[in-house]
């Protein structure tokens, strides 16, 4: 199994007047370690959005 390395990317968005609008963070997989034909089909990207968490919790509460 080929393990790929990862890193966090942090970025700050600014308003036109120079004040900070928001901060962004991304978790990036550095895929240059993949081998052609070996592990292109075996990638997994775990992403959980807040709406998915709300849906799962509401279903769990509904069905006790």
C-alpha atoms as a PDB file:
ATOM      1  CA  UNK A   1       0.000   0.000   0.000  1.00  0.00           C
ATOM      2  CA  UNK A   2       1.320   3.417  -0.941  1.00  0.00           C
ATOM      3  CA  UNK A   3       0.671   6.021   1.764  1.00  0.00           C
ATOM      4  CA  UNK A   4       0.320   9.588   0.521  1.00  0.00           C
ATOM      5  CA  UNK A   5       1.467  12.583   2.522  1.00  0.00           C
ATOM      6  CA  UNK A   6      -0.870  15.451   3.451  1.00  0.00           C
ATOM      7  CA  UNK A   7      -0.633  19.040   4.604  1.00  0.00           C
ATOM      8  CA  UNK A   8      -2.831  21.926   5.751  1.00  0.00           C
ATOM      9  CA  UNK A   9      -3.148  25.076   3.613  1.00  0.00           C
ATOM     10  CA  UNK A  10      -4.201  28.258   5.424  1.00  0.00           C
ATOM     11  CA  UNK A  11      -5.416  31.355   3.582  1.00  0.00           C
ATOM     12  CA  UNK A  12      -6.854  34.716   4.665  1.00  0.00           C
ATOM     13  CA  UNK A  13      -9.449  36.514   2.507  1.00  0.00           C
ATOM     14  CA  UNK A  14      -9.415  40.305   2.719  1.00  0.00           C
ATOM     15  CA  UNK A  15     -12.097  42.949   2.103  1.00  0.00           C
ATOM     16  CA  UNK A  16     -11.326  45.774  -0.365  1.00  0.00           C
ATOM     17  CA  UNK A  17     -10.522  48.081   2.578  1.00  0.00           C
ATOM     18  CA  UNK A  18      -7.858  45.660   3.868  1.00  0.00           C
ATOM     19  CA  UNK A  19      -9.758  44.178   6.808  1.00  0.00           C
ATOM     20  CA  UNK A  20     -10.010  40.409   7.219  1.00  0.00           C
ATOM     21  CA  UNK A  21     -13.175  38.958   5.692  1.00  0.00           C
ATOM     22  CA  UNK A  22     -12.647  35.289   6.631  1.00  0.00           C
ATOM     23  CA  UNK A  23     -10.014  32.636   7.191  1.00  0.00           C
ATOM     24  CA  UNK A  24      -9.928  29.430   5.151  1.00  0.00           C
ATOM     25  CA  UNK A  25      -8.226  26.109   5.829  1.00  0.00           C
ATOM     26  CA  UNK A  26      -7.878  23.132   3.507  1.00  0.00           C
ATOM     27  CA  UNK A  27      -6.451  19.682   4.036  1.00  0.00           C
ATOM     28  CA  UNK A  28      -4.578  18.743   0.864  1.00  0.00           C
ATOM     29  CA  UNK A  29      -3.272  15.322  -0.155  1.00  0.00           C
ATOM     30  CA  UNK A  30      -0.004  15.589  -2.030  1.00  0.00           C
ATOM     31  CA  UNK A  31      -0.691  12.994  -4.714  1.00  0.00           C
ATOM     32  CA  UNK A  32       2.615  13.163  -6.549  1.00  0.00           C
ATOM     33  CA  UNK A  33       3.544   9.952  -4.702  1.00  0.00           C
ATOM     34  CA  UNK A  34       0.959   7.881  -6.583  1.00  0.00           C
ATOM     35  CA  UNK A  35       2.150   5.191  -8.956  1.00  0.00           C
ATOM     36  CA  UNK A  36       0.564   4.992 -12.397  1.00  0.00           C
ATOM     37  CA  UNK A  37      -1.809   2.046 -12.699  1.00  0.00           C
ATOM     38  CA  UNK A  38      -1.294   0.938  -9.095  1.00  0.00           C
ATOM     39  CA  UNK A  39      -3.199   3.232  -6.760  1.00  0.00           C
ATOM     40  CA  UNK A  40      -5.152   5.711  -8.880  1.00  0.00           C
ATOM     41  CA  UNK A  41      -8.384   3.815  -8.165  1.00  0.00           C
ATOM     42  CA  UNK A  42      -7.771   3.386  -4.430  1.00  0.00           C
ATOM     43  CA  UNK A  43      -8.004   6.961  -3.162  1.00  0.00           C
ATOM     44  CA  UNK A  44     -10.354   7.939  -0.357  1.00  0.00           C
ATOM     45  CA  UNK A  45     -11.214  11.471   0.670  1.00  0.00           C
ATOM     46  CA  UNK A  46     -13.114  11.650   3.968  1.00  0.00           C
ATOM     47  CA  UNK A  47     -15.173  14.841   3.986  1.00  0.00           C
ATOM     48  CA  UNK A  48     -17.964  15.498   6.466  1.00  0.00           C
ATOM     49  CA  UNK A  49     -20.096  18.582   6.005  1.00  0.00           C
ATOM     50  CA  UNK A  50     -22.192  20.077   8.815  1.00  0.00           C
ATOM     51  CA  UNK A  51     -25.434  19.336   6.944  1.00  0.00           C
ATOM     52  CA  UNK A  52     -24.582  15.626   6.827  1.00  0.00           C
ATOM     53  CA  UNK A  53     -23.994  15.610  10.587  1.00  0.00           C
ATOM     54  CA  UNK A  54     -27.364  17.312  11.129  1.00  0.00           C
ATOM     55  CA  UNK A  55     -29.145  14.764   8.933  1.00  0.00           C
ATOM     56  CA  UNK A  56     -27.542  11.776  10.683  1.00  0.00           C
ATOM     57  CA  UNK A  57     -28.366  13.183  14.124  1.00  0.00           C
ATOM     58  CA  UNK A  58     -31.966  13.954  13.164  1.00  0.00           C
ATOM     59  CA  UNK A  59     -32.446  10.419  11.788  1.00  0.00           C
ATOM     60  CA  UNK A  60     -30.925   8.980  14.971  1.00  0.00           C
ATOM     61  CA  UNK A  61     -33.286  11.048  17.147  1.00  0.00           C
ATOM     62  CA  UNK A  62     -36.282  10.157  14.990  1.00  0.00           C
ATOM     63  CA  UNK A  63     -35.656   6.424  15.248  1.00  0.00           C
ATOM     64  CA  UNK A  64     -34.537   6.664  18.902  1.00  0.00           C
END
